[in-house]
Amino acid sequence: MEKSGYRYDTQLLIEGHDLDEDAVGAYFRAHFEGDCLLAVGDEDLIKIHFHTDEPWKVLEYCASLGEIFDIVVEDMDRQARGLKG
Protein backbone atom coordinates (compact mmCIF):
# COMPACT_ATOMS: atom_id res chain seq x y z
CA MET A 1 0.00 0.00 0.00
CA GLU A 2 1.31 3.43 -0.94
CA LYS A 3 2.10 5.61 2.08
CA SER A 4 0.01 8.75 2.28
CA GLY A 5 1.69 12.03 3.10
CA TYR A 6 -1.23 12.85 5.37
CA ARG A 7 -1.81 11.75 8.94
CA TYR A 8 -5.52 10.95 9.26
CA ASP A 9 -7.57 8.37 7.39
CA THR A 10 -11.06 9.89 7.53
CA GLN A 11 -14.14 7.86 6.61
CA LEU A 12 -17.83 8.56 7.02
CA LEU A 13 -21.27 8.36 5.49
CA ILE A 14 -23.44 11.36 4.62
CA GLU A 15 -27.20 10.86 4.49
CA GLY A 16 -29.21 13.66 2.93
CA HIS A 17 -31.28 14.80 -0.02
CA ASP A 18 -30.14 15.82 -3.50
CA LEU A 19 -26.53 14.91 -2.73
CA ASP A 20 -24.12 14.98 -5.68
CA GLU A 21 -20.97 12.86 -5.41
CA ASP A 22 -19.27 14.80 -8.21
CA ALA A 23 -19.94 18.14 -6.51
CA VAL A 24 -18.73 16.79 -3.16
CA GLY A 25 -15.55 15.45 -4.77
CA ALA A 26 -14.93 18.77 -6.53
CA TYR A 27 -15.39 20.66 -3.26
CA PHE A 28 -12.84 18.40 -1.53
CA ARG A 29 -10.29 18.91 -4.32
CA ALA A 30 -10.78 22.70 -4.25
CA HIS A 31 -10.86 23.25 -0.47
CA PHE A 32 -8.98 20.49 1.38
CA GLU A 33 -5.40 19.28 1.30
CA GLY A 34 -5.23 15.50 1.17
CA ASP A 35 -5.17 12.41 -0.99
CA CYS A 36 -6.85 9.06 -1.63
CA LEU A 37 -10.26 10.73 -2.06
CA LEU A 38 -13.25 8.49 -2.53
CA ALA A 39 -16.70 10.11 -2.71
CA VAL A 40 -19.26 7.62 -4.00
CA GLY A 41 -22.98 7.19 -3.65
CA ASP A 42 -26.25 8.64 -4.83
CA GLU A 43 -28.58 11.52 -4.01
CA ASP A 44 -29.44 10.05 -0.58
CA LEU A 45 -26.16 8.56 0.70
CA ILE A 46 -22.49 9.25 -0.01
CA LYS A 47 -19.47 7.41 1.39
CA ILE A 48 -16.36 9.49 1.98
CA HIS A 49 -12.80 8.22 2.37
CA PHE A 50 -10.00 10.81 2.53
CA HIS A 51 -6.49 11.17 3.91
CA THR A 52 -5.86 14.60 5.43
CA ASP A 53 -4.13 16.43 8.28
CA GLU A 54 -7.34 18.28 9.17
CA PRO A 55 -10.21 15.78 9.53
CA TRP A 56 -12.28 18.26 11.55
CA LYS A 57 -12.67 20.44 8.44
CA VAL A 58 -13.92 17.43 6.47
CA LEU A 59 -16.43 16.59 9.21
CA GLU A 60 -17.68 20.18 9.39
CA TYR A 61 -18.24 20.36 5.62
CA CYS A 62 -19.90 16.96 5.41
CA ALA A 63 -22.20 17.78 8.35
CA SER A 64 -23.37 20.84 6.38
CA LEU A 65 -24.65 18.49 3.65
CA GLY A 66 -26.74 16.18 5.82
CA GLU A 67 -26.50 13.75 8.71
CA ILE A 68 -23.06 12.18 9.12
CA PHE A 69 -22.52 8.78 10.72
CA ASP A 70 -20.22 5.74 10.83
CA ILE A 71 -17.40 8.22 11.36
CA VAL A 72 -13.88 6.79 11.59
CA VAL A 73 -10.77 8.93 11.95
CA GLU A 74 -7.61 6.85 12.24
CA ASP A 75 -4.15 8.23 12.97
CA MET A 76 -2.04 6.52 10.30
CA ASP A 77 1.19 7.86 11.83
CA ARG A 78 0.46 6.05 15.11
CA GLN A 79 -0.50 2.91 13.22
CA ALA A 80 2.79 3.02 11.28
CA ARG A 81 4.63 3.11 14.63
CA GLY A 82 2.72 0.03 15.78
CA LEU A 83 0.42 1.92 18.14
CA LYS A 84 -3.37 1.90 18.29
CA GLY A 85 -4.71 4.47 15.81
PDB file of N, CA and C in Angstrom:
ATOM      1  N   MET A   1       0.845  -1.188   0.000  1.00  0.00           N
ATOM      2  CA  MET A   1       0.000   0.000   0.000  1.00  0.00           C
ATOM      3  C   MET A   1       0.883   1.242   0.000  1.00  0.00           C
ATOM      4  N   GLU A   2       0.556   2.192  -0.836  1.00  0.00           N
ATOM      5  CA  GLU A   2       1.310   3.435  -0.935  1.00  0.00           C
ATOM      6  C   GLU A   2       1.097   4.269   0.318  1.00  0.00           C
ATOM      7  N   LYS A   3       2.187   4.800   0.878  1.00  0.00           N
ATOM      8  CA  LYS A   3       2.099   5.613   2.084  1.00  0.00           C
ATOM      9  C   LYS A   3       1.574   7.005   1.735  1.00  0.00           C
ATOM     10  N   SER A   4       0.570   7.413   2.465  1.00  0.00           N
ATOM     11  CA  SER A   4       0.011   8.747   2.282  1.00  0.00           C
ATOM     12  C   SER A   4       0.909   9.760   2.974  1.00  0.00           C
ATOM     13  N   GLY A   5       0.969  10.960   2.450  1.00  0.00           N
ATOM     14  CA  GLY A   5       1.694  12.033   3.105  1.00  0.00           C
ATOM     15  C   GLY A   5       0.869  12.716   4.182  1.00  0.00           C
ATOM     16  N   TYR A   6      -0.321  12.237   4.415  1.00  0.00           N
ATOM     17  CA  TYR A   6      -1.231  12.854   5.371  1.00  0.00           C
ATOM     18  C   TYR A   6      -1.451  11.927   6.557  1.00  0.00           C
ATOM     19  N   ARG A   7      -1.789  12.508   7.693  1.00  0.00           N
ATOM     20  CA  ARG A   7      -1.810  11.751   8.941  1.00  0.00           C
ATOM     21  C   ARG A   7      -3.099  10.972   9.197  1.00  0.00           C
ATOM     22  N   TYR A   8      -4.249  11.540   8.848  1.00  0.00           N
ATOM     23  CA  TYR A   8      -5.521  10.947   9.264  1.00  0.00           C
ATOM     24  C   TYR A   8      -6.288  10.326   8.111  1.00  0.00           C
ATOM     25  N   ASP A   9      -6.680   9.087   8.306  1.00  0.00           N
ATOM     26  CA  ASP A   9      -7.567   8.372   7.391  1.00  0.00           C
ATOM     27  C   ASP A   9      -8.978   8.665   7.888  1.00  0.00           C
ATOM     28  N   THR A  10      -9.737   9.421   7.121  1.00  0.00           N
ATOM     29  CA  THR A  10     -11.059   9.888   7.534  1.00  0.00           C
ATOM     30  C   THR A  10     -12.123   9.221   6.665  1.00  0.00           C
ATOM     31  N   GLN A  11     -13.076   8.553   7.321  1.00  0.00           N
ATOM     32  CA  GLN A  11     -14.141   7.857   6.607  1.00  0.00           C
ATOM     33  C   GLN A  11     -15.470   8.166   7.279  1.00  0.00           C
ATOM     34  N   LEU A  12     -16.509   8.314   6.474  1.00  0.00           N
ATOM     35  CA  LEU A  12     -17.834   8.563   7.025  1.00  0.00           C
ATOM     36  C   LEU A  12     -18.888   8.395   5.950  1.00  0.00           C
ATOM     37  N   LEU A  13     -20.122   8.382   6.391  1.00  0.00           N
ATOM     38  CA  LEU A  13     -21.269   8.364   5.489  1.00  0.00           C
ATOM     39  C   LEU A  13     -22.052   9.654   5.688  1.00  0.00           C
ATOM     40  N   ILE A  14     -22.565  10.188   4.584  1.00  0.00           N
ATOM     41  CA  ILE A  14     -23.442  11.365   4.623  1.00  0.00           C
ATOM     42  C   ILE A  14     -24.812  10.926   4.112  1.00  0.00           C
ATOM     43  N   GLU A  15     -25.832  11.145   4.930  1.00  0.00           N
ATOM     44  CA  GLU A  15     -27.203  10.862   4.494  1.00  0.00           C
ATOM     45  C   GLU A  15     -27.919  12.191   4.333  1.00  0.00           C
ATOM     46  N   GLY A  16     -28.535  12.388   3.176  1.00  0.00           N
ATOM     47  CA  GLY A  16     -29.211  13.659   2.932  1.00  0.00           C
ATOM     48  C   GLY A  16     -30.128  13.569   1.735  1.00  0.00           C
ATOM     49  N   HIS A  17     -30.400  14.717   1.136  1.00  0.00           N
ATOM     50  CA  HIS A  17     -31.283  14.802  -0.024  1.00  0.00           C
ATOM     51  C   HIS A  17     -30.565  15.573  -1.121  1.00  0.00           C
ATOM     52  N   ASP A  18     -30.738  15.138  -2.336  1.00  0.00           N
ATOM     53  CA  ASP A  18     -30.143  15.816  -3.498  1.00  0.00           C
ATOM     54  C   ASP A  18     -28.620  15.943  -3.379  1.00  0.00           C
ATOM     55  N   LEU A  19     -27.988  14.916  -2.806  1.00  0.00           N
ATOM     56  CA  LEU A  19     -26.529  14.908  -2.729  1.00  0.00           C
ATOM     57  C   LEU A  19     -25.956  14.628  -4.118  1.00  0.00           C
ATOM     58  N   ASP A  20     -24.769  15.150  -4.371  1.00  0.00           N
ATOM     59  CA  ASP A  20     -24.124  14.982  -5.678  1.00  0.00           C
ATOM     60  C   ASP A  20     -22.671  14.592  -5.433  1.00  0.00           C
ATOM     61  N   GLU A  21     -22.330  13.333  -5.695  1.00  0.00           N
ATOM     62  CA  GLU A  21     -20.973  12.860  -5.406  1.00  0.00           C
ATOM     63  C   GLU A  21     -19.924  13.634  -6.194  1.00  0.00           C
ATOM     64  N   ASP A  22     -20.228  14.038  -7.412  1.00  0.00           N
ATOM     65  CA  ASP A  22     -19.265  14.802  -8.212  1.00  0.00           C
ATOM     66  C   ASP A  22     -19.017  16.182  -7.594  1.00  0.00           C
ATOM     67  N   ALA A  23     -20.080  16.825  -7.131  1.00  0.00           N
ATOM     68  CA  ALA A  23     -19.939  18.143  -6.509  1.00  0.00           C
ATOM     69  C   ALA A  23     -19.175  18.040  -5.188  1.00  0.00           C
ATOM     70  N   VAL A  24     -19.446  16.996  -4.420  1.00  0.00           N
ATOM     71  CA  VAL A  24     -18.730  16.787  -3.160  1.00  0.00           C
ATOM     72  C   VAL A  24     -17.249  16.552  -3.442  1.00  0.00           C
ATOM     73  N   GLY A  25     -16.938  15.705  -4.406  1.00  0.00           N
ATOM     74  CA  GLY A  25     -15.549  15.447  -4.771  1.00  0.00           C
ATOM     75  C   GLY A  25     -14.841  16.707  -5.239  1.00  0.00           C
ATOM     76  N   ALA A  26     -15.519  17.519  -6.038  1.00  0.00           N
ATOM     77  CA  ALA A  26     -14.932  18.765  -6.531  1.00  0.00           C
ATOM     78  C   ALA A  26     -14.664  19.734  -5.381  1.00  0.00           C
ATOM     79  N   TYR A  27     -15.583  19.786  -4.414  1.00  0.00           N
ATOM     80  CA  TYR A  27     -15.388  20.660  -3.258  1.00  0.00           C
ATOM     81  C   TYR A  27     -14.149  20.225  -2.476  1.00  0.00           C
ATOM     82  N   PHE A  28     -14.017  18.916  -2.246  1.00  0.00           N
ATOM     83  CA  PHE A  28     -12.844  18.397  -1.533  1.00  0.00           C
ATOM     84  C   PHE A  28     -11.566  18.815  -2.250  1.00  0.00           C
ATOM     85  N   ARG A  29     -11.512  18.593  -3.565  1.00  0.00           N
ATOM     86  CA  ARG A  29     -10.295  18.909  -4.320  1.00  0.00           C
ATOM     87  C   ARG A  29      -9.967  20.405  -4.282  1.00  0.00           C
ATOM     88  N   ALA A  30     -10.993  21.249  -4.238  1.00  0.00           N
ATOM     89  CA  ALA A  30     -10.778  22.698  -4.249  1.00  0.00           C
ATOM     90  C   ALA A  30     -10.463  23.275  -2.871  1.00  0.00           C
ATOM     91  N   HIS A  31     -10.933  22.626  -1.788  1.00  0.00           N
ATOM     92  CA  HIS A  31     -10.863  23.250  -0.472  1.00  0.00           C
ATOM     93  C   HIS A  31     -10.028  22.518   0.573  1.00  0.00           C
ATOM     94  N   PHE A  32      -9.689  21.258   0.358  1.00  0.00           N
ATOM     95  CA  PHE A  32      -8.979  20.490   1.377  1.00  0.00           C
ATOM     96  C   PHE A  32      -7.669  19.950   0.826  1.00  0.00           C
ATOM     97  N   GLU A  33      -6.636  19.938   1.667  1.00  0.00           N
ATOM     98  CA  GLU A  33      -5.397  19.279   1.300  1.00  0.00           C
ATOM     99  C   GLU A  33      -5.506  17.830   1.748  1.00  0.00           C
ATOM    100  N   GLY A  34      -5.174  16.903   0.828  1.00  0.00           N
ATOM    101  CA  GLY A  34      -5.235  15.503   1.173  1.00  0.00           C
ATOM    102  C   GLY A  34      -5.072  14.640  -0.058  1.00  0.00           C
ATOM    103  N   ASP A  35      -5.258  13.328   0.134  1.00  0.00           N
ATOM    104  CA  ASP A  35      -5.169  12.410  -0.991  1.00  0.00           C
ATOM    105  C   ASP A  35      -6.069  11.204  -0.753  1.00  0.00           C
ATOM    106  N   CYS A  36      -6.055  10.305  -1.689  1.00  0.00           N
ATOM    107  CA  CYS A  36      -6.848   9.065  -1.627  1.00  0.00           C
ATOM    108  C   CYS A  36      -8.350   9.342  -1.477  1.00  0.00           C
ATOM    109  N   LEU A  37      -8.850  10.367  -2.167  1.00  0.00           N
ATOM    110  CA  LEU A  37     -10.264  10.735  -2.059  1.00  0.00           C
ATOM    111  C   LEU A  37     -11.159   9.704  -2.730  1.00  0.00           C
ATOM    112  N   LEU A  38     -12.182   9.313  -1.995  1.00  0.00           N
ATOM    113  CA  LEU A  38     -13.253   8.487  -2.525  1.00  0.00           C
ATOM    114  C   LEU A  38     -14.556   9.137  -2.069  1.00  0.00           C
ATOM    115  N   ALA A  39     -15.387   9.537  -3.012  1.00  0.00           N
ATOM    116  CA  ALA A  39     -16.704  10.107  -2.710  1.00  0.00           C
ATOM    117  C   ALA A  39     -17.679   9.419  -3.655  1.00  0.00           C
ATOM    118  N   VAL A  40     -18.359   8.400  -3.160  1.00  0.00           N
ATOM    119  CA  VAL A  40     -19.263   7.622  -4.005  1.00  0.00           C
ATOM    120  C   VAL A  40     -20.619   7.458  -3.337  1.00  0.00           C
ATOM    121  N   GLY A  41     -21.642   7.399  -4.171  1.00  0.00           N
ATOM    122  CA  GLY A  41     -22.975   7.192  -3.648  1.00  0.00           C
ATOM    123  C   GLY A  41     -24.026   7.709  -4.610  1.00  0.00           C
ATOM    124  N   ASP A  42     -25.144   8.137  -4.032  1.00  0.00           N
ATOM    125  CA  ASP A  42     -26.252   8.645  -4.833  1.00  0.00           C
ATOM    126  C   ASP A  42     -26.822   9.886  -4.156  1.00  0.00           C
ATOM    127  N   GLU A  43     -28.023  10.272  -4.535  1.00  0.00           N
ATOM    128  CA  GLU A  43     -28.581  11.522  -4.009  1.00  0.00           C
ATOM    129  C   GLU A  43     -28.982  11.433  -2.535  1.00  0.00           C
ATOM    130  N   ASP A  44     -29.028  10.213  -1.969  1.00  0.00           N
ATOM    131  CA  ASP A  44     -29.444  10.046  -0.580  1.00  0.00           C
ATOM    132  C   ASP A  44     -28.314   9.655   0.367  1.00  0.00           C
ATOM    133  N   LEU A  45     -27.228   9.070  -0.160  1.00  0.00           N
ATOM    134  CA  LEU A  45     -26.163   8.560   0.698  1.00  0.00           C
ATOM    135  C   LEU A  45     -24.831   8.590  -0.056  1.00  0.00           C
ATOM    136  N   ILE A  46     -23.827   9.198   0.578  1.00  0.00           N
ATOM    137  CA  ILE A  46     -22.491   9.248  -0.014  1.00  0.00           C
ATOM    138  C   ILE A  46     -21.478   8.750   1.015  1.00  0.00           C
ATOM    139  N   LYS A  47     -20.572   7.884   0.557  1.00  0.00           N
ATOM    140  CA  LYS A  47     -19.467   7.412   1.388  1.00  0.00           C
ATOM    141  C   LYS A  47     -18.240   8.245   1.059  1.00  0.00           C
ATOM    142  N   ILE A  48     -17.573   8.702   2.116  1.00  0.00           N
ATOM    143  CA  ILE A  48     -16.356   9.491   1.981  1.00  0.00           C
ATOM    144  C   ILE A  48     -15.188   8.718   2.584  1.00  0.00           C
ATOM    145  N   HIS A  49     -14.076   8.725   1.865  1.00  0.00           N
ATOM    146  CA  HIS A  49     -12.796   8.223   2.365  1.00  0.00           C
ATOM    147  C   HIS A  49     -11.758   9.236   1.908  1.00  0.00           C
ATOM    148  N   PHE A  50     -10.933   9.739   2.864  1.00  0.00           N
ATOM    149  CA  PHE A  50     -10.005  10.814   2.527  1.00  0.00           C
ATOM    150  C   PHE A  50      -8.868  10.835   3.531  1.00  0.00           C
ATOM    151  N   HIS A  51      -7.651  11.008   3.045  1.00  0.00           N
ATOM    152  CA  HIS A  51      -6.485  11.167   3.915  1.00  0.00           C
ATOM    153  C   HIS A  51      -6.171  12.651   4.001  1.00  0.00           C
ATOM    154  N   THR A  52      -6.060  13.173   5.219  1.00  0.00           N
ATOM    155  CA  THR A  52      -5.857  14.598   5.431  1.00  0.00           C
ATOM    156  C   THR A  52      -5.175  14.839   6.775  1.00  0.00           C
ATOM    157  N   ASP A  53      -4.661  16.031   6.977  1.00  0.00           N
ATOM    158  CA  ASP A  53      -4.130  16.429   8.280  1.00  0.00           C
ATOM    159  C   ASP A  53      -5.173  17.181   9.099  1.00  0.00           C
ATOM    160  N   GLU A  54      -6.313  17.483   8.493  1.00  0.00           N
ATOM    161  CA  GLU A  54      -7.341  18.276   9.170  1.00  0.00           C
ATOM    162  C   GLU A  54      -8.725  17.636   9.036  1.00  0.00           C
ATOM    163  N   PRO A  55      -8.918  16.486   9.682  1.00  0.00           N
ATOM    164  CA  PRO A  55     -10.206  15.785   9.531  1.00  0.00           C
ATOM    165  C   PRO A  55     -11.401  16.577  10.048  1.00  0.00           C
ATOM    166  N   TRP A  56     -11.179  17.466  11.008  1.00  0.00           N
ATOM    167  CA  TRP A  56     -12.282  18.256  11.551  1.00  0.00           C
ATOM    168  C   TRP A  56     -12.905  19.151  10.483  1.00  0.00           C
ATOM    169  N   LYS A  57     -12.120  19.628   9.526  1.00  0.00           N
ATOM    170  CA  LYS A  57     -12.670  20.443   8.445  1.00  0.00           C
ATOM    171  C   LYS A  57     -13.556  19.595   7.529  1.00  0.00           C
ATOM    172  N   VAL A  58     -13.127  18.358   7.279  1.00  0.00           N
ATOM    173  CA  VAL A  58     -13.919  17.427   6.467  1.00  0.00           C
ATOM    174  C   VAL A  58     -15.245  17.153   7.156  1.00  0.00           C
ATOM    175  N   LEU A  59     -15.206  16.887   8.458  1.00  0.00           N
ATOM    176  CA  LEU A  59     -16.432  16.587   9.206  1.00  0.00           C
ATOM    177  C   LEU A  59     -17.378  17.776   9.202  1.00  0.00           C
ATOM    178  N   GLU A  60     -16.837  18.970   9.376  1.00  0.00           N
ATOM    179  CA  GLU A  60     -17.677  20.178   9.388  1.00  0.00           C
ATOM    180  C   GLU A  60     -18.381  20.366   8.044  1.00  0.00           C
ATOM    181  N   TYR A  61     -17.633  20.221   6.955  1.00  0.00           N
ATOM    182  CA  TYR A  61     -18.237  20.364   5.623  1.00  0.00           C
ATOM    183  C   TYR A  61     -19.297  19.292   5.389  1.00  0.00           C
ATOM    184  N   CYS A  62     -18.958  18.054   5.670  1.00  0.00           N
ATOM    185  CA  CYS A  62     -19.898  16.959   5.412  1.00  0.00           C
ATOM    186  C   CYS A  62     -21.172  17.107   6.250  1.00  0.00           C
ATOM    187  N   ALA A  63     -21.030  17.577   7.491  1.00  0.00           N
ATOM    188  CA  ALA A  63     -22.203  17.783   8.351  1.00  0.00           C
ATOM    189  C   ALA A  63     -23.112  18.870   7.782  1.00  0.00           C
ATOM    190  N   SER A  64     -22.551  19.785   6.983  1.00  0.00           N
ATOM    191  CA  SER A  64     -23.372  20.838   6.382  1.00  0.00           C
ATOM    192  C   SER A  64     -24.242  20.287   5.246  1.00  0.00           C
ATOM    193  N   LEU A  65     -23.912  19.080   4.769  1.00  0.00           N
ATOM    194  CA  LEU A  65     -24.653  18.485   3.646  1.00  0.00           C
ATOM    195  C   LEU A  65     -25.795  17.588   4.093  1.00  0.00           C
ATOM    196  N   GLY A  66     -25.727  17.100   5.323  1.00  0.00           N
ATOM    197  CA  GLY A  66     -26.737  16.175   5.820  1.00  0.00           C
ATOM    198  C   GLY A  66     -26.266  15.556   7.119  1.00  0.00           C
ATOM    199  N   GLU A  67     -26.877  14.445   7.482  1.00  0.00           N
ATOM    200  CA  GLU A  67     -26.497  13.746   8.708  1.00  0.00           C
ATOM    201  C   GLU A  67     -25.270  12.887   8.434  1.00  0.00           C
ATOM    202  N   ILE A  68     -24.248  13.001   9.291  1.00  0.00           N
ATOM    203  CA  ILE A  68     -23.056  12.179   9.118  1.00  0.00           C
ATOM    204  C   ILE A  68     -23.046  11.085  10.184  1.00  0.00           C
ATOM    205  N   PHE A  69     -22.585   9.899   9.789  1.00  0.00           N
ATOM    206  CA  PHE A  69     -22.523   8.779  10.720  1.00  0.00           C
ATOM    207  C   PHE A  69     -21.484   7.775  10.253  1.00  0.00           C
ATOM    208  N   ASP A  70     -21.280   6.727  11.065  1.00  0.00           N
ATOM    209  CA  ASP A  70     -20.218   5.736  10.825  1.00  0.00           C
ATOM    210  C   ASP A  70     -18.885   6.450  10.602  1.00  0.00           C
ATOM    211  N   ILE A  71     -18.600   7.395  11.483  1.00  0.00           N
ATOM    212  CA  ILE A  71     -17.396   8.221  11.359  1.00  0.00           C
ATOM    213  C   ILE A  71     -16.197   7.483  11.945  1.00  0.00           C
ATOM    214  N   VAL A  72     -15.138   7.386  11.143  1.00  0.00           N
ATOM    215  CA  VAL A  72     -13.882   6.788  11.587  1.00  0.00           C
ATOM    216  C   VAL A  72     -12.751   7.736  11.207  1.00  0.00           C
ATOM    217  N   VAL A  73     -11.966   8.128  12.200  1.00  0.00           N
ATOM    218  CA  VAL A  73     -10.769   8.929  11.947  1.00  0.00           C
ATOM    219  C   VAL A  73      -9.615   8.168  12.586  1.00  0.00           C
ATOM    220  N   GLU A  74      -8.736   7.628  11.748  1.00  0.00           N
ATOM    221  CA  GLU A  74      -7.609   6.851  12.243  1.00  0.00           C
ATOM    222  C   GLU A  74      -6.310   7.608  12.019  1.00  0.00           C
ATOM    223  N   ASP A  75      -5.455   7.584  13.033  1.00  0.00           N
ATOM    224  CA  ASP A  75      -4.149   8.232  12.971  1.00  0.00           C
ATOM    225  C   ASP A  75      -3.169   7.258  12.319  1.00  0.00           C
ATOM    226  N   MET A  76      -2.899   7.450  11.045  1.00  0.00           N
ATOM    227  CA  MET A  76      -2.041   6.522  10.298  1.00  0.00           C
ATOM    228  C   MET A  76      -0.590   6.597  10.757  1.00  0.00           C
ATOM    229  N   ASP A  77      -0.172   7.740  11.314  1.00  0.00           N
ATOM    230  CA  ASP A  77       1.192   7.860  11.834  1.00  0.00           C
ATOM    231  C   ASP A  77       1.363   6.947  13.041  1.00  0.00           C
ATOM    232  N   ARG A  78       0.398   6.944  13.938  1.00  0.00           N
ATOM    233  CA  ARG A  78       0.458   6.055  15.107  1.00  0.00           C
ATOM    234  C   ARG A  78       0.429   4.598  14.670  1.00  0.00           C
ATOM    235  N   GLN A  79      -0.407   4.281  13.702  1.00  0.00           N
ATOM    236  CA  GLN A  79      -0.497   2.906  13.220  1.00  0.00           C
ATOM    237  C   GLN A  79       0.850   2.460  12.638  1.00  0.00           C
ATOM    238  N   ALA A  80       1.503   3.354  11.890  1.00  0.00           N
ATOM    239  CA  ALA A  80       2.791   3.022  11.281  1.00  0.00           C
ATOM    240  C   ALA A  80       3.853   2.741  12.349  1.00  0.00           C
ATOM    241  N   ARG A  81       3.690   3.340  13.533  1.00  0.00           N
ATOM    242  CA  ARG A  81       4.628   3.111  14.625  1.00  0.00           C
ATOM    243  C   ARG A  81       4.204   1.930  15.492  1.00  0.00           C
ATOM    244  N   GLY A  82       3.157   1.214  15.051  1.00  0.00           N
ATOM    245  CA  GLY A  82       2.716   0.029  15.783  1.00  0.00           C
ATOM    246  C   GLY A  82       1.832   0.329  16.989  1.00  0.00           C
ATOM    247  N   LEU A  83       1.290   1.528  17.044  1.00  0.00           N
ATOM    248  CA  LEU A  83       0.419   1.921  18.145  1.00  0.00           C
ATOM    249  C   LEU A  83      -1.034   1.894  17.689  1.00  0.00           C
ATOM    250  N   LYS A  84      -1.939   1.845  18.649  1.00  0.00           N
ATOM    251  CA  LYS A  84      -3.370   1.898  18.286  1.00  0.00           C
ATOM    252  C   LYS A  84      -3.669   3.253  17.696  1.00  0.00           C
ATOM    253  N   GLY A  85      -4.413   3.235  16.536  1.00  0.00           N
ATOM    254  CA  GLY A  85      -4.706   4.473  15.814  1.00  0.00           C
ATOM    255  C   GLY A  85      -5.814   5.247  16.420  1.00  0.00           C
TER     256      GLY A  85
END
